Amino acid sequence: MQGILKEIYNYKVDLVSRLKLKESQKELENRVLNSNKSRGFYKKIIQNIKTGNPSIIAEIKKASPSKGIIKKKFIPEQIAKIYQANNVSCISVLTDTKFFSGSNSDLIKVKEVTKIPILRKDFIVSEYQIYESKVIGADCILLISEILSESIIDDYISIAKDLDLDVLIEVHSHENFLKYINKKDILLGVNNRNLKNMNVNVNHAINIVKENNKDNIICESGIKSFDQYHSLLKQGFKNFLIGEYFMKSNNIKKDLMQFTNVEFKV
């Protein structure tokens, strides 16, 4: 681990320590008892494939470490309503404050105005954050293989399942892809962005996945045009996590409809 990824990891470890001083993990676990049943993130993705339509996980994020502020007029609940009204399968919400200008309240607001499953997009480094994710209303959590060992990821998956949370494991390297390709009942995201240096290559997922393109695989990051998306569909991808393209759009509804009105056979 190096560069910005190490900085984020260290910050999150320190943040969790500070959060525990305000509310212990036991207190947080007790709050989970009042949480609602999850909306079924994994189930929604897999079921959507049967319809012959791609699954779009549309992301809500204000900023990123590499691009700074992406969307100046940022009202998460308004964006979420547009997403839901235009047939996205699920929504991803950035909740990291320091590096992405997000917050837990962004996810809470999105949950209140939508009925579709929500991914909490953050850097999970402690089981404390898994309970926190349940409390704020997430239906799925992200576990990043570049910062967590396989044994820790297995432990976190177990905790998540006990809490009725789905799991998206994110990989970048081919080595990590092979570790998790056959793991059952999880979603596997291949990130086209190298988290060590933030460089993006939209063809990275193609090179990593090759002939192993299963229904639970999600192509993440780097899609800057409908043509790129169309090309990835032809390569066999069925599920996509797209954020920056929609956040930069002057007409999210128009651009989103172009993406959601296509089928696999193109």
C-alpha atoms as a PDB file:
ATOM      1  CA  MET A   1       0.000   0.000   0.000  1.00  0.00           C
ATOM      2  CA  GLN A   2       1.389   3.379  -0.942  1.00  0.00           C
ATOM      3  CA  GLY A   3       0.602   6.973  -1.910  1.00  0.00           C
ATOM      4  CA  ILE A   4      -2.932   8.316  -1.520  1.00  0.00           C
ATOM      5  CA  LEU A   5      -4.297   4.857  -0.690  1.00  0.00           C
ATOM      6  CA  LYS A   6      -2.035   4.550   2.358  1.00  0.00           C
ATOM      7  CA  GLU A   7      -2.952   8.079   3.418  1.00  0.00           C
ATOM      8  CA  ILE A   8      -6.651   7.258   3.204  1.00  0.00           C
ATOM      9  CA  TYR A   9      -6.203   3.974   5.080  1.00  0.00           C
ATOM     10  CA  ASN A  10      -4.283   5.594   7.939  1.00  0.00           C
ATOM     11  CA  TYR A  11      -6.832   8.390   8.160  1.00  0.00           C
ATOM     12  CA  LYS A  12      -9.713   5.898   8.360  1.00  0.00           C
ATOM     13  CA  VAL A  13      -8.032   3.893  11.119  1.00  0.00           C
ATOM     14  CA  ASP A  14      -7.603   7.098  13.116  1.00  0.00           C
ATOM     15  CA  LEU A  15     -11.164   8.215  12.334  1.00  0.00           C
ATOM     16  CA  VAL A  16     -12.649   4.959  13.619  1.00  0.00           C
ATOM     17  CA  SER A  17     -10.672   5.348  16.847  1.00  0.00           C
ATOM     18  CA  ARG A  18     -12.165   8.804  17.320  1.00  0.00           C
ATOM     19  CA  LEU A  19     -15.686   7.627  16.481  1.00  0.00           C
ATOM     20  CA  LYS A  20     -15.457   4.897  19.108  1.00  0.00           C
ATOM     21  CA  LEU A  21     -14.805   7.557  21.757  1.00  0.00           C
ATOM     22  CA  LYS A  22     -18.146   9.155  20.867  1.00  0.00           C
ATOM     23  CA  GLU A  23     -20.101   5.917  20.491  1.00  0.00           C
ATOM     24  CA  SER A  24     -18.784   2.500  21.407  1.00  0.00           C
ATOM     25  CA  GLN A  25     -19.130  -0.442  19.050  1.00  0.00           C
ATOM     26  CA  LYS A  26     -21.500  -2.076  21.531  1.00  0.00           C
ATOM     27  CA  GLU A  27     -23.740   0.988  21.476  1.00  0.00           C
ATOM     28  CA  LEU A  28     -23.627   0.969  17.681  1.00  0.00           C
ATOM     29  CA  GLU A  29     -24.508  -2.736  17.597  1.00  0.00           C
ATOM     30  CA  ASN A  30     -27.544  -2.030  19.777  1.00  0.00           C
ATOM     31  CA  ARG A  31     -28.735   0.590  17.279  1.00  0.00           C
ATOM     32  CA  VAL A  32     -28.587  -2.028  14.525  1.00  0.00           C
ATOM     33  CA  LEU A  33     -31.548  -3.752  16.212  1.00  0.00           C
ATOM     34  CA  ASN A  34     -33.769  -0.881  15.064  1.00  0.00           C
ATOM     35  CA  SER A  35     -32.534  -0.959  11.457  1.00  0.00           C
ATOM     36  CA  ASN A  36     -34.789  -1.789   8.533  1.00  0.00           C
ATOM     37  CA  LYS A  37     -34.481  -4.881   6.392  1.00  0.00           C
ATOM     38  CA  SER A  38     -32.077  -4.370   3.498  1.00  0.00           C
ATOM     39  CA  ARG A  39     -33.414  -3.854  -0.016  1.00  0.00           C
ATOM     40  CA  GLY A  40     -31.346  -6.609  -1.584  1.00  0.00           C
ATOM     41  CA  PHE A  41     -28.486  -5.093  -3.575  1.00  0.00           C
ATOM     42  CA  TYR A  42     -27.006  -8.389  -4.806  1.00  0.00           C
ATOM     43  CA  LYS A  43     -30.440  -9.796  -5.625  1.00  0.00           C
ATOM     44  CA  LYS A  44     -31.351  -6.693  -7.651  1.00  0.00           C
ATOM     45  CA  ILE A  45     -28.198  -6.940  -9.776  1.00  0.00           C
ATOM     46  CA  ILE A  46     -28.606 -10.648 -10.489  1.00  0.00           C
ATOM     47  CA  GLN A  47     -32.334 -10.393 -11.199  1.00  0.00           C
ATOM     48  CA  ASN A  48     -31.809  -7.472 -13.546  1.00  0.00           C
ATOM     49  CA  ILE A  49     -29.530  -9.574 -15.754  1.00  0.00           C
ATOM     50  CA  LYS A  50     -32.462 -11.889 -16.463  1.00  0.00           C
ATOM     51  CA  THR A  51     -34.340  -9.005 -18.078  1.00  0.00           C
ATOM     52  CA  GLY A  52     -31.657  -8.582 -20.735  1.00  0.00           C
ATOM     53  CA  ASN A  53     -30.779  -5.088 -19.552  1.00  0.00           C
ATOM     54  CA  PRO A  54     -27.449  -3.904 -18.136  1.00  0.00           C
ATOM     55  CA  SER A  55     -27.339  -3.008 -14.451  1.00  0.00           C
ATOM     56  CA  ILE A  56     -26.289   0.566 -13.828  1.00  0.00           C
ATOM     57  CA  ILE A  57     -25.084   1.430 -10.333  1.00  0.00           C
ATOM     58  CA  ALA A  58     -25.185   5.203 -10.555  1.00  0.00           C
ATOM     59  CA  GLU A  59     -22.908   7.003  -8.153  1.00  0.00           C
ATOM     60  CA  ILE A  60     -23.420  10.157  -6.154  1.00  0.00           C
ATOM     61  CA  LYS A  61     -20.199  11.966  -5.299  1.00  0.00           C
ATOM     62  CA  LYS A  62     -19.261  15.598  -4.975  1.00  0.00           C
ATOM     63  CA  ALA A  63     -15.486  15.344  -5.301  1.00  0.00           C
ATOM     64  CA  SER A  64     -12.496  13.029  -5.597  1.00  0.00           C
ATOM     65  CA  PRO A  65      -8.803  13.241  -4.639  1.00  0.00           C
ATOM     66  CA  SER A  66      -7.736  13.260  -8.290  1.00  0.00           C
ATOM     67  CA  LYS A  67     -10.333  15.682  -9.712  1.00  0.00           C
ATOM     68  CA  GLY A  68     -11.279  17.926  -6.801  1.00  0.00           C
ATOM     69  CA  ILE A  69     -14.854  19.227  -6.890  1.00  0.00           C
ATOM     70  CA  ILE A  70     -16.780  17.370  -9.591  1.00  0.00           C
ATOM     71  CA  LYS A  71     -20.279  18.699  -9.004  1.00  0.00           C
ATOM     72  CA  LYS A  72     -20.663  22.185  -7.539  1.00  0.00           C
ATOM     73  CA  LYS A  73     -24.456  22.163  -7.205  1.00  0.00           C
ATOM     74  CA  PHE A  74     -24.604  19.028  -5.125  1.00  0.00           C
ATOM     75  CA  ILE A  75     -27.978  17.948  -3.728  1.00  0.00           C
ATOM     76  CA  PRO A  76     -27.807  14.173  -3.178  1.00  0.00           C
ATOM     77  CA  GLU A  77     -31.534  13.569  -2.821  1.00  0.00           C
ATOM     78  CA  GLN A  78     -32.318  15.379  -6.079  1.00  0.00           C
ATOM     79  CA  ILE A  79     -29.719  13.353  -7.961  1.00  0.00           C
ATOM     80  CA  ALA A  80     -31.074  10.155  -6.400  1.00  0.00           C
ATOM     81  CA  LYS A  81     -34.606  10.930  -7.556  1.00  0.00           C
ATOM     82  CA  ILE A  82     -33.370  11.388 -11.132  1.00  0.00           C
ATOM     83  CA  TYR A  83     -31.460   8.124 -10.940  1.00  0.00           C
ATOM     84  CA  GLN A  84     -34.435   6.158  -9.661  1.00  0.00           C
ATOM     85  CA  ALA A  85     -36.868   7.712 -12.131  1.00  0.00           C
ATOM     86  CA  ASN A  86     -34.631   6.701 -15.028  1.00  0.00           C
ATOM     87  CA  ASN A  87     -34.225   3.030 -14.233  1.00  0.00           C
ATOM     88  CA  VAL A  88     -30.841   2.664 -12.570  1.00  0.00           C
ATOM     89  CA  SER A  89     -30.603  -0.654 -10.749  1.00  0.00           C
ATOM     90  CA  CYS A  90     -28.890   0.678  -7.633  1.00  0.00           C
ATOM     91  CA  ILE A  91     -27.254   3.807  -6.252  1.00  0.00           C
ATOM     92  CA  SER A  92     -23.753   4.245  -4.839  1.00  0.00           C
ATOM     93  CA  VAL A  93     -23.168   7.040  -2.327  1.00  0.00           C
ATOM     94  CA  LEU A  94     -19.713   8.303  -1.325  1.00  0.00           C
ATOM     95  CA  THR A  95     -19.729   8.851   2.431  1.00  0.00           C
ATOM     96  CA  ASP A  96     -16.075   9.776   2.945  1.00  0.00           C
ATOM     97  CA  THR A  97     -15.741  13.409   4.006  1.00  0.00           C
ATOM     98  CA  LYS A  98     -12.039  14.251   3.871  1.00  0.00           C
ATOM     99  CA  PHE A  99     -11.191  12.927   0.393  1.00  0.00           C
ATOM    100  CA  PHE A 100     -14.558  12.870  -1.422  1.00  0.00           C
ATOM    101  CA  SER A 101     -16.572  15.605   0.348  1.00  0.00           C
ATOM    102  CA  GLY A 102     -19.306  13.114   1.163  1.00  0.00           C
ATOM    103  CA  SER A 103     -21.031  12.236   4.432  1.00  0.00           C
ATOM    104  CA  ASN A 104     -23.215   9.670   6.124  1.00  0.00           C
ATOM    105  CA  SER A 105     -26.050  12.170   5.928  1.00  0.00           C
ATOM    106  CA  ASP A 106     -25.825  12.063   2.120  1.00  0.00           C
ATOM    107  CA  LEU A 107     -26.684   8.364   2.222  1.00  0.00           C
ATOM    108  CA  ILE A 108     -29.426   8.881   4.802  1.00  0.00           C
ATOM    109  CA  LYS A 109     -31.047  11.538   2.577  1.00  0.00           C
ATOM    110  CA  VAL A 110     -30.829   9.300  -0.488  1.00  0.00           C
ATOM    111  CA  LYS A 111     -32.373   6.410   1.441  1.00  0.00           C
ATOM    112  CA  GLU A 112     -35.325   8.570   2.439  1.00  0.00           C
ATOM    113  CA  VAL A 113     -36.302   9.503  -1.124  1.00  0.00           C
ATOM    114  CA  THR A 114     -35.664   6.209  -2.958  1.00  0.00           C
ATOM    115  CA  LYS A 115     -36.810   2.603  -2.962  1.00  0.00           C
ATOM    116  CA  ILE A 116     -33.863   0.967  -4.720  1.00  0.00           C
ATOM    117  CA  PRO A 117     -30.769  -0.581  -3.063  1.00  0.00           C
ATOM    118  CA  ILE A 118     -27.882   1.622  -1.957  1.00  0.00           C
ATOM    119  CA  LEU A 119     -24.158   0.925  -1.761  1.00  0.00           C
ATOM    120  CA  ARG A 120     -22.132   2.725   0.872  1.00  0.00           C
ATOM    121  CA  LYS A 121     -18.979   3.693  -1.012  1.00  0.00           C
ATOM    122  CA  ASP A 122     -16.237   4.221   1.529  1.00  0.00           C
ATOM    123  CA  PHE A 123     -12.992   2.769   2.791  1.00  0.00           C
ATOM    124  CA  ILE A 124     -13.939   0.085   5.304  1.00  0.00           C
ATOM    125  CA  VAL A 125     -11.021  -0.679   7.634  1.00  0.00           C
ATOM    126  CA  SER A 126     -12.902  -1.813  10.737  1.00  0.00           C
ATOM    127  CA  GLU A 127     -15.937  -3.930  11.618  1.00  0.00           C
ATOM    128  CA  TYR A 128     -17.179  -0.807  13.414  1.00  0.00           C
ATOM    129  CA  GLN A 129     -17.873   0.740  10.003  1.00  0.00           C
ATOM    130  CA  ILE A 130     -19.933  -2.279   8.951  1.00  0.00           C
ATOM    131  CA  TYR A 131     -22.335  -1.758  11.850  1.00  0.00           C
ATOM    132  CA  GLU A 132     -22.326   1.955  11.095  1.00  0.00           C
ATOM    133  CA  SER A 133     -23.226   1.189   7.467  1.00  0.00           C
ATOM    134  CA  LYS A 134     -26.266  -0.782   8.600  1.00  0.00           C
ATOM    135  CA  VAL A 135     -27.372   1.956  10.981  1.00  0.00           C
ATOM    136  CA  ILE A 136     -27.268   4.699   8.322  1.00  0.00           C
ATOM    137  CA  GLY A 137     -29.294   2.595   5.893  1.00  0.00           C
ATOM    138  CA  ALA A 138     -26.823   1.028   3.471  1.00  0.00           C
ATOM    139  CA  ASP A 139     -27.864  -2.178   1.717  1.00  0.00           C
ATOM    140  CA  CYS A 140     -24.366  -3.095   0.552  1.00  0.00           C
ATOM    141  CA  ILE A 141     -20.822  -2.277   1.620  1.00  0.00           C
ATOM    142  CA  LEU A 142     -17.596  -1.985  -0.349  1.00  0.00           C
ATOM    143  CA  LEU A 143     -14.531  -3.986   0.683  1.00  0.00           C
ATOM    144  CA  ILE A 144     -11.349  -2.995  -1.138  1.00  0.00           C
ATOM    145  CA  SER A 145      -8.900  -5.841  -1.698  1.00  0.00           C
ATOM    146  CA  GLU A 146      -5.999  -3.416  -2.125  1.00  0.00           C
ATOM    147  CA  ILE A 147      -6.215  -2.411   1.544  1.00  0.00           C
ATOM    148  CA  LEU A 148      -7.638  -5.521   3.255  1.00  0.00           C
ATOM    149  CA  SER A 149      -6.240  -9.030   3.539  1.00  0.00           C
ATOM    150  CA  GLU A 150      -8.238 -12.016   2.338  1.00  0.00           C
ATOM    151  CA  SER A 151      -8.805 -13.244   5.885  1.00  0.00           C
ATOM    152  CA  ILE A 152     -10.116  -9.858   7.016  1.00  0.00           C
ATOM    153  CA  ILE A 153     -12.394  -9.645   3.988  1.00  0.00           C
ATOM    154  CA  ASP A 154     -13.790 -13.081   4.826  1.00  0.00           C
ATOM    155  CA  ASP A 155     -14.436 -11.935   8.417  1.00  0.00           C
ATOM    156  CA  TYR A 156     -16.119  -8.748   7.212  1.00  0.00           C
ATOM    157  CA  ILE A 157     -18.299 -10.663   4.747  1.00  0.00           C
ATOM    158  CA  SER A 158     -19.493 -12.852   7.612  1.00  0.00           C
ATOM    159  CA  ILE A 159     -20.370  -9.823   9.742  1.00  0.00           C
ATOM    160  CA  ALA A 160     -22.119  -8.142   6.816  1.00  0.00           C
ATOM    161  CA  LYS A 161     -24.216 -11.219   6.053  1.00  0.00           C
ATOM    162  CA  ASP A 162     -25.261 -11.437   9.720  1.00  0.00           C
ATOM    163  CA  LEU A 163     -26.467  -7.844   9.402  1.00  0.00           C
ATOM    164  CA  ASP A 164     -28.380  -8.495   6.154  1.00  0.00           C
ATOM    165  CA  LEU A 165     -25.867  -6.458   4.160  1.00  0.00           C
ATOM    166  CA  ASP A 166     -24.571  -7.428   0.730  1.00  0.00           C
ATOM    167  CA  VAL A 167     -20.902  -7.089  -0.170  1.00  0.00           C
ATOM    168  CA  LEU A 168     -19.089  -5.697  -3.188  1.00  0.00           C
ATOM    169  CA  ILE A 169     -15.432  -6.706  -3.201  1.00  0.00           C
ATOM    170  CA  GLU A 170     -13.348  -4.329  -5.280  1.00  0.00           C
ATOM    171  CA  VAL A 171     -10.175  -5.522  -7.014  1.00  0.00           C
ATOM    172  CA  HIS A 172      -7.664  -3.924  -9.327  1.00  0.00           C
ATOM    173  CA  SER A 173      -4.930  -6.505  -9.776  1.00  0.00           C
ATOM    174  CA  HIS A 174      -5.320  -9.804 -11.607  1.00  0.00           C
ATOM    175  CA  GLU A 175      -3.971 -11.574  -8.535  1.00  0.00           C
ATOM    176  CA  ASN A 176      -6.793 -10.264  -6.356  1.00  0.00           C
ATOM    177  CA  PHE A 177      -9.335 -10.924  -9.090  1.00  0.00           C
ATOM    178  CA  LEU A 178      -8.396 -14.612  -9.061  1.00  0.00           C
ATOM    179  CA  LYS A 179      -8.694 -14.713  -5.257  1.00  0.00           C
ATOM    180  CA  TYR A 180     -12.343 -13.741  -5.317  1.00  0.00           C
ATOM    181  CA  ILE A 181     -13.728 -14.803  -8.696  1.00  0.00           C
ATOM    182  CA  ASN A 182     -15.240 -17.995  -7.288  1.00  0.00           C
ATOM    183  CA  LYS A 183     -16.470 -16.615  -3.978  1.00  0.00           C
ATOM    184  CA  LYS A 184     -20.226 -17.139  -3.703  1.00  0.00           C
ATOM    185  CA  ASP A 185     -22.953 -14.581  -3.062  1.00  0.00           C
ATOM    186  CA  ILE A 186     -20.790 -11.495  -3.421  1.00  0.00           C
ATOM    187  CA  LEU A 187     -20.414  -8.908  -6.150  1.00  0.00           C
ATOM    188  CA  LEU A 188     -16.948  -8.484  -7.621  1.00  0.00           C
ATOM    189  CA  GLY A 189     -16.009  -5.062  -8.916  1.00  0.00           C
ATOM    190  CA  VAL A 190     -13.013  -4.558 -11.188  1.00  0.00           C
ATOM    191  CA  ASN A 191     -11.799  -1.002 -10.755  1.00  0.00           C
ATOM    192  CA  ASN A 192     -10.331   0.633 -13.858  1.00  0.00           C
ATOM    193  CA  ARG A 193      -8.774   3.204 -11.530  1.00  0.00           C
ATOM    194  CA  ASN A 194      -5.466   2.279  -9.935  1.00  0.00           C
ATOM    195  CA  LEU A 195      -5.964   3.421  -6.339  1.00  0.00           C
ATOM    196  CA  LYS A 196      -2.215   3.702  -5.792  1.00  0.00           C
ATOM    197  CA  ASN A 197      -1.767   6.511  -8.315  1.00  0.00           C
ATOM    198  CA  MET A 198      -5.384   7.260  -9.399  1.00  0.00           C
ATOM    199  CA  ASN A 199      -4.582   6.589 -13.080  1.00  0.00           C
ATOM    200  CA  VAL A 200      -7.524   5.264 -15.116  1.00  0.00           C
ATOM    201  CA  ASN A 201      -7.545   2.806 -18.013  1.00  0.00           C
ATOM    202  CA  VAL A 202     -11.045   1.898 -19.214  1.00  0.00           C
ATOM    203  CA  ASN A 203      -9.696  -1.271 -20.844  1.00  0.00           C
ATOM    204  CA  HIS A 204      -8.209  -2.537 -17.595  1.00  0.00           C
ATOM    205  CA  ALA A 205     -11.307  -4.559 -16.677  1.00  0.00           C
ATOM    206  CA  ILE A 206     -11.257  -6.251 -20.094  1.00  0.00           C
ATOM    207  CA  ASN A 207      -7.650  -7.333 -19.567  1.00  0.00           C
ATOM    208  CA  ILE A 208      -8.324  -8.572 -16.030  1.00  0.00           C
ATOM    209  CA  VAL A 209     -11.594 -10.415 -16.572  1.00  0.00           C
ATOM    210  CA  LYS A 210     -10.912 -11.998 -19.980  1.00  0.00           C
ATOM    211  CA  GLU A 211     -13.022 -15.156 -20.329  1.00  0.00           C
ATOM    212  CA  ASN A 212     -14.179 -15.093 -16.678  1.00  0.00           C
ATOM    213  CA  ASN A 213     -16.993 -12.579 -17.138  1.00  0.00           C
ATOM    214  CA  LYS A 214     -19.604 -13.836 -14.698  1.00  0.00           C
ATOM    215  CA  ASP A 215     -22.962 -12.310 -13.823  1.00  0.00           C
ATOM    216  CA  ASN A 216     -21.705 -10.909 -10.506  1.00  0.00           C
ATOM    217  CA  ILE A 217     -18.862  -8.870 -12.023  1.00  0.00           C
ATOM    218  CA  ILE A 218     -19.101  -5.081 -12.094  1.00  0.00           C
ATOM    219  CA  CYS A 219     -17.007  -2.814 -14.299  1.00  0.00           C
ATOM    220  CA  GLU A 220     -16.063   0.236 -12.223  1.00  0.00           C
ATOM    221  CA  SER A 221     -14.756   3.696 -13.078  1.00  0.00           C
ATOM    222  CA  GLY A 222     -13.366   5.415 -16.134  1.00  0.00           C
ATOM    223  CA  ILE A 223     -16.387   5.391 -18.449  1.00  0.00           C
ATOM    224  CA  LYS A 224     -16.409   8.814 -20.075  1.00  0.00           C
ATOM    225  CA  SER A 225     -18.769   8.250 -22.990  1.00  0.00           C
ATOM    226  CA  PHE A 226     -21.646   6.126 -24.211  1.00  0.00           C
ATOM    227  CA  ASP A 227     -19.343   4.687 -26.874  1.00  0.00           C
ATOM    228  CA  GLN A 228     -16.990   3.319 -24.200  1.00  0.00           C
ATOM    229  CA  TYR A 229     -19.947   1.835 -22.360  1.00  0.00           C
ATOM    230  CA  HIS A 230     -21.270   0.314 -25.592  1.00  0.00           C
ATOM    231  CA  SER A 231     -17.859  -1.211 -26.295  1.00  0.00           C
ATOM    232  CA  LEU A 232     -17.724  -2.779 -22.830  1.00  0.00           C
ATOM    233  CA  LEU A 233     -21.163  -4.275 -23.374  1.00  0.00           C
ATOM    234  CA  LYS A 234     -19.841  -5.942 -26.508  1.00  0.00           C
ATOM    235  CA  GLN A 235     -16.987  -7.366 -24.413  1.00  0.00           C
ATOM    236  CA  GLY A 236     -19.545  -9.140 -22.239  1.00  0.00           C
ATOM    237  CA  PHE A 237     -19.890  -6.803 -19.261  1.00  0.00           C
ATOM    238  CA  LYS A 238     -23.405  -6.584 -17.842  1.00  0.00           C
ATOM    239  CA  ASN A 239     -22.976  -4.459 -14.712  1.00  0.00           C
ATOM    240  CA  PHE A 240     -21.435  -1.010 -14.389  1.00  0.00           C
ATOM    241  CA  LEU A 241     -20.669   1.447 -11.616  1.00  0.00           C
ATOM    242  CA  ILE A 242     -20.625   4.921 -13.151  1.00  0.00           C
ATOM    243  CA  GLY A 243     -20.234   8.156 -11.239  1.00  0.00           C
ATOM    244  CA  GLU A 244     -18.119  10.954 -12.633  1.00  0.00           C
ATOM    245  CA  TYR A 245     -19.728  10.849 -16.093  1.00  0.00           C
ATOM    246  CA  PHE A 246     -23.169  11.501 -14.646  1.00  0.00           C
ATOM    247  CA  MET A 247     -21.926  13.962 -12.030  1.00  0.00           C
ATOM    248  CA  LYS A 248     -20.363  16.101 -14.765  1.00  0.00           C
ATOM    249  CA  SER A 249     -23.435  15.923 -16.978  1.00  0.00           C
ATOM    250  CA  ASN A 250     -25.503  19.036 -17.616  1.00  0.00           C
ATOM    251  CA  ASN A 251     -28.513  16.801 -18.227  1.00  0.00           C
ATOM    252  CA  ILE A 252     -28.283  13.657 -16.109  1.00  0.00           C
ATOM    253  CA  LYS A 253     -31.719  12.413 -17.181  1.00  0.00           C
ATOM    254  CA  LYS A 254     -30.917  12.614 -20.892  1.00  0.00           C
ATOM    255  CA  ASP A 255     -27.509  10.970 -20.578  1.00  0.00           C
ATOM    256  CA  LEU A 256     -28.773   8.303 -18.206  1.00  0.00           C
ATOM    257  CA  MET A 257     -31.641   7.293 -20.493  1.00  0.00           C
ATOM    258  CA  GLN A 258     -29.136   6.571 -23.265  1.00  0.00           C
ATOM    259  CA  PHE A 259     -27.348   4.135 -20.961  1.00  0.00           C
ATOM    260  CA  THR A 260     -30.421   2.399 -19.565  1.00  0.00           C
ATOM    261  CA  ASN A 261     -32.232   1.968 -22.893  1.00  0.00           C
ATOM    262  CA  VAL A 262     -29.940  -0.703 -24.296  1.00  0.00           C
ATOM    263  CA  GLU A 263     -29.843  -4.485 -24.036  1.00  0.00           C
ATOM    264  CA  PHE A 264     -26.973  -6.947 -23.907  1.00  0.00           C
ATOM    265  CA  LYS A 265     -27.164  -7.942 -27.552  1.00  0.00           C
ATOM    266  CA  VAL A 266     -25.870  -4.821 -29.235  1.00  0.00           C
END
